[in-house]
Amino acid sequence: MRYERTLRILGLIFLLNYPRLASASDPSLPLPVATLDVSELLSERDLTAVAFSSDTSIAVRACSFPDRDTKCSLPVVRWENGSLKRISETAQVDLRSGRSSTDRSRMLFDSNERKVPRLQHPVESIQTITTLGMIGPEDVNREVVQVIDTATRKSCFEWSRSFPMTYSPTRSASISQSGEFVAIIVENKLSVYRLPTVCNGATTKRRR
């Protein structure tokens, strides 16, 4: 009887805490200086990605699903005078290029994470230990974008989003060659964020 009563109490504690832990919201996000609906450019939304082809041009990936090459014909969006506009140009851009400014003074880190209720962590840890690491959660449901000043290690920009669990890594962001702007595409929405001249965010001890 005591054992069953203990289990009921633990179950009640879990039910009371689970909604609060699961619904914990992300901190407030930075506001974009410009946005643009690019749904007409996208043939496969799960392959969307962006890269600055110049400080005033952003290439948007719109390749067909079978084409896994990072280099392909990409529609270009013009970023100029605080606005975004589709233009009749395409660019050959390596979508992996937008990870740092040209002088490498600023680095962009775009990573995926797994965010679950706190009480779920011990269960997953036990599962990983008992199977000697053969079985463990590999799916992710969160993307974190951060820009770091490489000299001071201080944060210039932090952005995150949550999405349903998936096994497909998501990379949505690119930094401009000057290190002044960050472009992020989520589904059919392209947003541009202006970075501060001096990075005064929290000091980062590790790269993400």
C-alpha atoms as a PDB file:
ATOM      1  CA  MET A   1       0.000   0.000   0.000  1.00  0.00           C
ATOM      2  CA  ARG A   2       2.756   2.467   0.869  1.00  0.00           C
ATOM      3  CA  TYR A   3       4.465   1.714  -2.431  1.00  0.00           C
ATOM      4  CA  GLU A   4       1.272   2.403  -4.387  1.00  0.00           C
ATOM      5  CA  ARG A   5       0.608   5.569  -2.399  1.00  0.00           C
ATOM      6  CA  THR A   6       4.141   6.818  -3.119  1.00  0.00           C
ATOM      7  CA  LEU A   7       3.639   6.154  -6.823  1.00  0.00           C
ATOM      8  CA  ARG A   8       0.361   8.113  -6.782  1.00  0.00           C
ATOM      9  CA  ILE A   9       2.035  11.057  -5.071  1.00  0.00           C
ATOM     10  CA  LEU A  10       4.923  11.052  -7.559  1.00  0.00           C
ATOM     11  CA  GLY A  11       2.458  10.814 -10.420  1.00  0.00           C
ATOM     12  CA  LEU A  12       0.504  13.775  -9.072  1.00  0.00           C
ATOM     13  CA  ILE A  13       3.677  15.841  -8.705  1.00  0.00           C
ATOM     14  CA  PHE A  14       4.609  15.034 -12.295  1.00  0.00           C
ATOM     15  CA  LEU A  15       1.159  16.000 -13.628  1.00  0.00           C
ATOM     16  CA  LEU A  16       1.220  19.280 -11.736  1.00  0.00           C
ATOM     17  CA  ASN A  17       4.680  20.203 -12.928  1.00  0.00           C
ATOM     18  CA  TYR A  18       4.647  18.878 -16.494  1.00  0.00           C
ATOM     19  CA  PRO A  19       2.440  21.616 -18.035  1.00  0.00           C
ATOM     20  CA  ARG A  20       4.499  24.344 -16.389  1.00  0.00           C
ATOM     21  CA  LEU A  21       7.785  22.835 -17.558  1.00  0.00           C
ATOM     22  CA  ALA A  22       6.542  22.049 -21.047  1.00  0.00           C
ATOM     23  CA  SER A  23       5.072  25.502 -21.607  1.00  0.00           C
ATOM     24  CA  ALA A  24       8.108  27.481 -20.478  1.00  0.00           C
ATOM     25  CA  SER A  25       8.475  30.205 -23.075  1.00  0.00           C
ATOM     26  CA  ASP A  26      11.626  31.376 -24.763  1.00  0.00           C
ATOM     27  CA  PRO A  27      13.066  34.776 -23.848  1.00  0.00           C
ATOM     28  CA  SER A  28      11.970  37.738 -25.959  1.00  0.00           C
ATOM     29  CA  LEU A  29      13.475  37.707 -29.439  1.00  0.00           C
ATOM     30  CA  PRO A  30      15.086  40.586 -31.339  1.00  0.00           C
ATOM     31  CA  LEU A  31      12.835  42.393 -33.810  1.00  0.00           C
ATOM     32  CA  PRO A  32      13.655  42.294 -37.551  1.00  0.00           C
ATOM     33  CA  VAL A  33      14.207  45.511 -39.463  1.00  0.00           C
ATOM     34  CA  ALA A  34      12.566  44.019 -42.580  1.00  0.00           C
ATOM     35  CA  THR A  35      10.542  40.936 -43.566  1.00  0.00           C
ATOM     36  CA  LEU A  36       9.373  39.436 -46.859  1.00  0.00           C
ATOM     37  CA  ASP A  37       7.036  36.585 -47.814  1.00  0.00           C
ATOM     38  CA  VAL A  38       9.052  34.381 -50.198  1.00  0.00           C
ATOM     39  CA  SER A  39       6.602  31.480 -50.532  1.00  0.00           C
ATOM     40  CA  GLU A  40       6.475  31.858 -54.322  1.00  0.00           C
ATOM     41  CA  LEU A  41      10.228  31.147 -54.478  1.00  0.00           C
ATOM     42  CA  LEU A  42      10.175  27.907 -52.524  1.00  0.00           C
ATOM     43  CA  SER A  43       9.609  24.506 -54.072  1.00  0.00           C
ATOM     44  CA  GLU A  44      10.571  22.495 -50.971  1.00  0.00           C
ATOM     45  CA  ARG A  45      10.224  24.272 -47.633  1.00  0.00           C
ATOM     46  CA  ASP A  46      12.235  21.690 -45.727  1.00  0.00           C
ATOM     47  CA  LEU A  47      15.291  22.631 -47.825  1.00  0.00           C
ATOM     48  CA  THR A  48      15.053  26.382 -47.407  1.00  0.00           C
ATOM     49  CA  ALA A  49      18.242  28.228 -46.540  1.00  0.00           C
ATOM     50  CA  VAL A  50      19.741  31.660 -47.141  1.00  0.00           C
ATOM     51  CA  ALA A  51      23.140  33.227 -47.786  1.00  0.00           C
ATOM     52  CA  PHE A  52      24.313  36.758 -48.446  1.00  0.00           C
ATOM     53  CA  SER A  53      25.719  36.917 -51.986  1.00  0.00           C
ATOM     54  CA  SER A  54      26.710  40.509 -51.195  1.00  0.00           C
ATOM     55  CA  ASP A  55      25.936  42.978 -48.416  1.00  0.00           C
ATOM     56  CA  THR A  56      22.820  44.051 -50.349  1.00  0.00           C
ATOM     57  CA  SER A  57      21.758  40.710 -51.848  1.00  0.00           C
ATOM     58  CA  ILE A  58      20.387  37.567 -50.194  1.00  0.00           C
ATOM     59  CA  ALA A  59      20.119  34.260 -52.061  1.00  0.00           C
ATOM     60  CA  VAL A  60      17.216  31.986 -51.092  1.00  0.00           C
ATOM     61  CA  ARG A  61      17.464  28.253 -51.676  1.00  0.00           C
ATOM     62  CA  ALA A  62      14.665  26.975 -53.912  1.00  0.00           C
ATOM     63  CA  CYS A  63      16.162  23.802 -55.362  1.00  0.00           C
ATOM     64  CA  SER A  64      14.125  20.706 -56.119  1.00  0.00           C
ATOM     65  CA  PHE A  65      14.029  18.031 -53.421  1.00  0.00           C
ATOM     66  CA  PRO A  66      16.468  15.544 -55.067  1.00  0.00           C
ATOM     67  CA  ASP A  67      19.133  18.249 -55.445  1.00  0.00           C
ATOM     68  CA  ARG A  68      21.154  18.016 -52.217  1.00  0.00           C
ATOM     69  CA  ASP A  69      24.092  20.033 -53.546  1.00  0.00           C
ATOM     70  CA  THR A  70      24.662  23.274 -51.638  1.00  0.00           C
ATOM     71  CA  LYS A  71      25.421  25.035 -54.917  1.00  0.00           C
ATOM     72  CA  CYS A  72      22.503  25.597 -57.269  1.00  0.00           C
ATOM     73  CA  SER A  73      20.622  28.379 -59.009  1.00  0.00           C
ATOM     74  CA  LEU A  74      19.178  30.569 -56.263  1.00  0.00           C
ATOM     75  CA  PRO A  75      16.633  33.417 -56.559  1.00  0.00           C
ATOM     76  CA  VAL A  76      17.949  36.678 -55.164  1.00  0.00           C
ATOM     77  CA  VAL A  77      16.259  39.102 -52.781  1.00  0.00           C
ATOM     78  CA  ARG A  78      17.608  42.645 -52.731  1.00  0.00           C
ATOM     79  CA  TRP A  79      18.275  44.137 -49.306  1.00  0.00           C
ATOM     80  CA  GLU A  80      18.575  47.889 -49.640  1.00  0.00           C
ATOM     81  CA  ASN A  81      17.515  51.042 -47.784  1.00  0.00           C
ATOM     82  CA  GLY A  82      15.770  49.046 -45.080  1.00  0.00           C
ATOM     83  CA  SER A  83      13.551  46.996 -47.405  1.00  0.00           C
ATOM     84  CA  LEU A  84      13.507  43.557 -49.052  1.00  0.00           C
ATOM     85  CA  LYS A  85      12.501  43.105 -52.691  1.00  0.00           C
ATOM     86  CA  ARG A  86      12.535  40.133 -55.071  1.00  0.00           C
ATOM     87  CA  ILE A  87      14.554  40.827 -58.228  1.00  0.00           C
ATOM     88  CA  SER A  88      14.871  38.837 -61.459  1.00  0.00           C
ATOM     89  CA  GLU A  89      18.343  37.492 -60.757  1.00  0.00           C
ATOM     90  CA  THR A  90      19.824  34.208 -59.640  1.00  0.00           C
ATOM     91  CA  ALA A  91      23.137  33.541 -57.944  1.00  0.00           C
ATOM     92  CA  GLN A  92      25.574  30.676 -57.500  1.00  0.00           C
ATOM     93  CA  VAL A  93      26.275  30.818 -53.782  1.00  0.00           C
ATOM     94  CA  ASP A  94      27.654  28.290 -51.346  1.00  0.00           C
ATOM     95  CA  LEU A  95      25.029  28.263 -48.613  1.00  0.00           C
ATOM     96  CA  ARG A  96      27.694  27.283 -46.070  1.00  0.00           C
ATOM     97  CA  SER A  97      29.520  30.575 -46.613  1.00  0.00           C
ATOM     98  CA  GLY A  98      27.430  32.750 -44.312  1.00  0.00           C
ATOM     99  CA  ARG A  99      29.001  31.627 -41.041  1.00  0.00           C
ATOM    100  CA  SER A 100      31.294  34.599 -40.460  1.00  0.00           C
ATOM    101  CA  SER A 101      31.950  38.148 -41.577  1.00  0.00           C
ATOM    102  CA  THR A 102      34.669  38.587 -44.186  1.00  0.00           C
ATOM    103  CA  ASP A 103      37.221  39.698 -41.580  1.00  0.00           C
ATOM    104  CA  ARG A 104      36.068  36.885 -39.256  1.00  0.00           C
ATOM    105  CA  SER A 105      35.513  39.367 -36.436  1.00  0.00           C
ATOM    106  CA  ARG A 106      32.009  37.957 -36.007  1.00  0.00           C
ATOM    107  CA  MET A 107      30.997  34.304 -36.139  1.00  0.00           C
ATOM    108  CA  LEU A 108      27.481  32.955 -36.567  1.00  0.00           C
ATOM    109  CA  PHE A 109      26.495  29.683 -34.881  1.00  0.00           C
ATOM    110  CA  ASP A 110      23.294  27.978 -35.988  1.00  0.00           C
ATOM    111  CA  SER A 111      22.622  24.864 -33.923  1.00  0.00           C
ATOM    112  CA  ASN A 112      19.816  22.427 -33.163  1.00  0.00           C
ATOM    113  CA  GLU A 113      18.857  21.334 -29.677  1.00  0.00           C
ATOM    114  CA  ARG A 114      16.448  18.991 -27.951  1.00  0.00           C
ATOM    115  CA  LYS A 115      14.280  20.733 -25.362  1.00  0.00           C
ATOM    116  CA  VAL A 116      12.064  18.542 -23.169  1.00  0.00           C
ATOM    117  CA  PRO A 117      10.456  18.904 -19.719  1.00  0.00           C
ATOM    118  CA  ARG A 118      12.995  18.707 -16.906  1.00  0.00           C
ATOM    119  CA  LEU A 119      11.466  15.549 -15.466  1.00  0.00           C
ATOM    120  CA  GLN A 120      11.992  13.748 -18.768  1.00  0.00           C
ATOM    121  CA  HIS A 121      15.782  14.132 -18.661  1.00  0.00           C
ATOM    122  CA  PRO A 122      16.419  11.458 -15.970  1.00  0.00           C
ATOM    123  CA  VAL A 123      14.320   8.929 -17.899  1.00  0.00           C
ATOM    124  CA  GLU A 124      16.292   9.525 -21.103  1.00  0.00           C
ATOM    125  CA  SER A 125      19.606   9.403 -19.220  1.00  0.00           C
ATOM    126  CA  ILE A 126      18.700   6.051 -17.659  1.00  0.00           C
ATOM    127  CA  GLN A 127      17.726   4.725 -21.089  1.00  0.00           C
ATOM    128  CA  THR A 128      21.045   5.818 -22.573  1.00  0.00           C
ATOM    129  CA  ILE A 129      23.071   4.336 -19.681  1.00  0.00           C
ATOM    130  CA  THR A 130      21.242   0.988 -19.600  1.00  0.00           C
ATOM    131  CA  THR A 131      21.731   0.509 -23.345  1.00  0.00           C
ATOM    132  CA  LEU A 132      25.406   1.589 -23.178  1.00  0.00           C
ATOM    133  CA  GLY A 133      24.643   4.544 -25.410  1.00  0.00           C
ATOM    134  CA  MET A 134      23.098   2.405 -28.149  1.00  0.00           C
ATOM    135  CA  ILE A 135      19.665   3.961 -27.649  1.00  0.00           C
ATOM    136  CA  GLY A 136      19.140   7.620 -26.913  1.00  0.00           C
ATOM    137  CA  PRO A 137      17.068  10.522 -28.191  1.00  0.00           C
ATOM    138  CA  GLU A 138      18.454  11.998 -31.411  1.00  0.00           C
ATOM    139  CA  ASP A 139      15.519  14.087 -32.549  1.00  0.00           C
ATOM    140  CA  VAL A 140      15.518  17.871 -32.052  1.00  0.00           C
ATOM    141  CA  ASN A 141      12.824  20.517 -31.617  1.00  0.00           C
ATOM    142  CA  ARG A 142      14.700  23.789 -31.226  1.00  0.00           C
ATOM    143  CA  GLU A 143      17.001  25.984 -33.301  1.00  0.00           C
ATOM    144  CA  VAL A 144      19.369  28.520 -31.720  1.00  0.00           C
ATOM    145  CA  VAL A 145      21.169  31.239 -33.691  1.00  0.00           C
ATOM    146  CA  GLN A 146      23.925  33.281 -32.065  1.00  0.00           C
ATOM    147  CA  VAL A 147      26.524  35.756 -33.316  1.00  0.00           C
ATOM    148  CA  ILE A 148      29.727  36.137 -31.304  1.00  0.00           C
ATOM    149  CA  ASP A 149      32.438  38.803 -31.390  1.00  0.00           C
ATOM    150  CA  THR A 150      35.557  36.676 -31.846  1.00  0.00           C
ATOM    151  CA  ALA A 151      37.804  39.166 -30.010  1.00  0.00           C
ATOM    152  CA  THR A 152      35.735  39.708 -26.868  1.00  0.00           C
ATOM    153  CA  ARG A 153      33.663  36.475 -26.979  1.00  0.00           C
ATOM    154  CA  LYS A 154      30.607  38.616 -26.240  1.00  0.00           C
ATOM    155  CA  SER A 155      27.255  37.920 -27.837  1.00  0.00           C
ATOM    156  CA  CYS A 156      26.008  40.265 -30.571  1.00  0.00           C
ATOM    157  CA  PHE A 157      22.767  38.491 -31.373  1.00  0.00           C
ATOM    158  CA  GLU A 158      20.630  35.676 -29.959  1.00  0.00           C
ATOM    159  CA  TRP A 159      17.541  34.155 -31.559  1.00  0.00           C
ATOM    160  CA  SER A 160      15.714  30.861 -31.120  1.00  0.00           C
ATOM    161  CA  ARG A 161      12.597  29.018 -32.197  1.00  0.00           C
ATOM    162  CA  SER A 162      10.809  25.788 -31.317  1.00  0.00           C
ATOM    163  CA  PHE A 163       9.191  23.314 -33.715  1.00  0.00           C
ATOM    164  CA  PRO A 164       7.794  19.745 -33.654  1.00  0.00           C
ATOM    165  CA  MET A 165      10.334  16.992 -33.008  1.00  0.00           C
ATOM    166  CA  THR A 166      12.283  16.055 -36.142  1.00  0.00           C
ATOM    167  CA  TYR A 167      15.369  14.082 -37.116  1.00  0.00           C
ATOM    168  CA  SER A 168      16.284  16.591 -39.860  1.00  0.00           C
ATOM    169  CA  PRO A 169      18.765  19.311 -38.803  1.00  0.00           C
ATOM    170  CA  THR A 170      17.554  22.839 -39.473  1.00  0.00           C
ATOM    171  CA  ARG A 171      19.833  25.685 -40.547  1.00  0.00           C
ATOM    172  CA  SER A 172      18.007  28.945 -41.202  1.00  0.00           C
ATOM    173  CA  ALA A 173      20.491  31.815 -40.752  1.00  0.00           C
ATOM    174  CA  SER A 174      23.329  33.652 -42.483  1.00  0.00           C
ATOM    175  CA  ILE A 175      25.479  36.655 -41.578  1.00  0.00           C
ATOM    176  CA  SER A 176      26.446  39.335 -44.082  1.00  0.00           C
ATOM    177  CA  GLN A 177      30.030  39.828 -45.214  1.00  0.00           C
ATOM    178  CA  SER A 178      30.255  43.098 -43.265  1.00  0.00           C
ATOM    179  CA  GLY A 179      28.965  41.444 -40.086  1.00  0.00           C
ATOM    180  CA  GLU A 180      26.240  44.086 -39.875  1.00  0.00           C
ATOM    181  CA  PHE A 181      23.180  41.967 -40.695  1.00  0.00           C
ATOM    182  CA  VAL A 182      21.738  38.512 -40.083  1.00  0.00           C
ATOM    183  CA  ALA A 183      19.151  36.943 -42.406  1.00  0.00           C
ATOM    184  CA  ILE A 184      16.852  34.176 -41.129  1.00  0.00           C
ATOM    185  CA  ILE A 185      14.279  32.223 -43.110  1.00  0.00           C
ATOM    186  CA  VAL A 186      11.515  30.284 -41.361  1.00  0.00           C
ATOM    187  CA  GLU A 187       9.002  28.488 -43.602  1.00  0.00           C
ATOM    188  CA  ASN A 188       7.996  31.197 -46.101  1.00  0.00           C
ATOM    189  CA  LYS A 189       9.187  34.266 -44.176  1.00  0.00           C
ATOM    190  CA  LEU A 190      12.564  35.941 -44.702  1.00  0.00           C
ATOM    191  CA  SER A 191      13.658  38.372 -41.973  1.00  0.00           C
ATOM    192  CA  VAL A 192      16.698  40.636 -41.703  1.00  0.00           C
ATOM    193  CA  TYR A 193      18.139  41.771 -38.362  1.00  0.00           C
ATOM    194  CA  ARG A 194      20.622  44.589 -37.824  1.00  0.00           C
ATOM    195  CA  LEU A 195      23.462  43.806 -35.419  1.00  0.00           C
ATOM    196  CA  PRO A 196      24.826  46.384 -32.982  1.00  0.00           C
ATOM    197  CA  THR A 197      28.078  48.186 -33.751  1.00  0.00           C
ATOM    198  CA  VAL A 198      29.526  46.985 -30.437  1.00  0.00           C
ATOM    199  CA  CYS A 199      28.616  43.593 -28.991  1.00  0.00           C
ATOM    200  CA  ASN A 200      27.732  43.952 -25.307  1.00  0.00           C
ATOM    201  CA  GLY A 201      25.886  40.694 -24.701  1.00  0.00           C
ATOM    202  CA  ALA A 202      26.868  37.957 -22.289  1.00  0.00           C
ATOM    203  CA  THR A 203      30.344  36.493 -22.683  1.00  0.00           C
ATOM    204  CA  THR A 204      30.198  33.070 -24.323  1.00  0.00           C
ATOM    205  CA  LYS A 205      32.477  30.367 -22.966  1.00  0.00           C
ATOM    206  CA  ARG A 206      31.847  27.844 -25.703  1.00  0.00           C
ATOM    207  CA  ARG A 207      30.765  27.856 -29.316  1.00  0.00           C
ATOM    208  CA  ARG A 208      27.309  26.577 -30.105  1.00  0.00           C
END
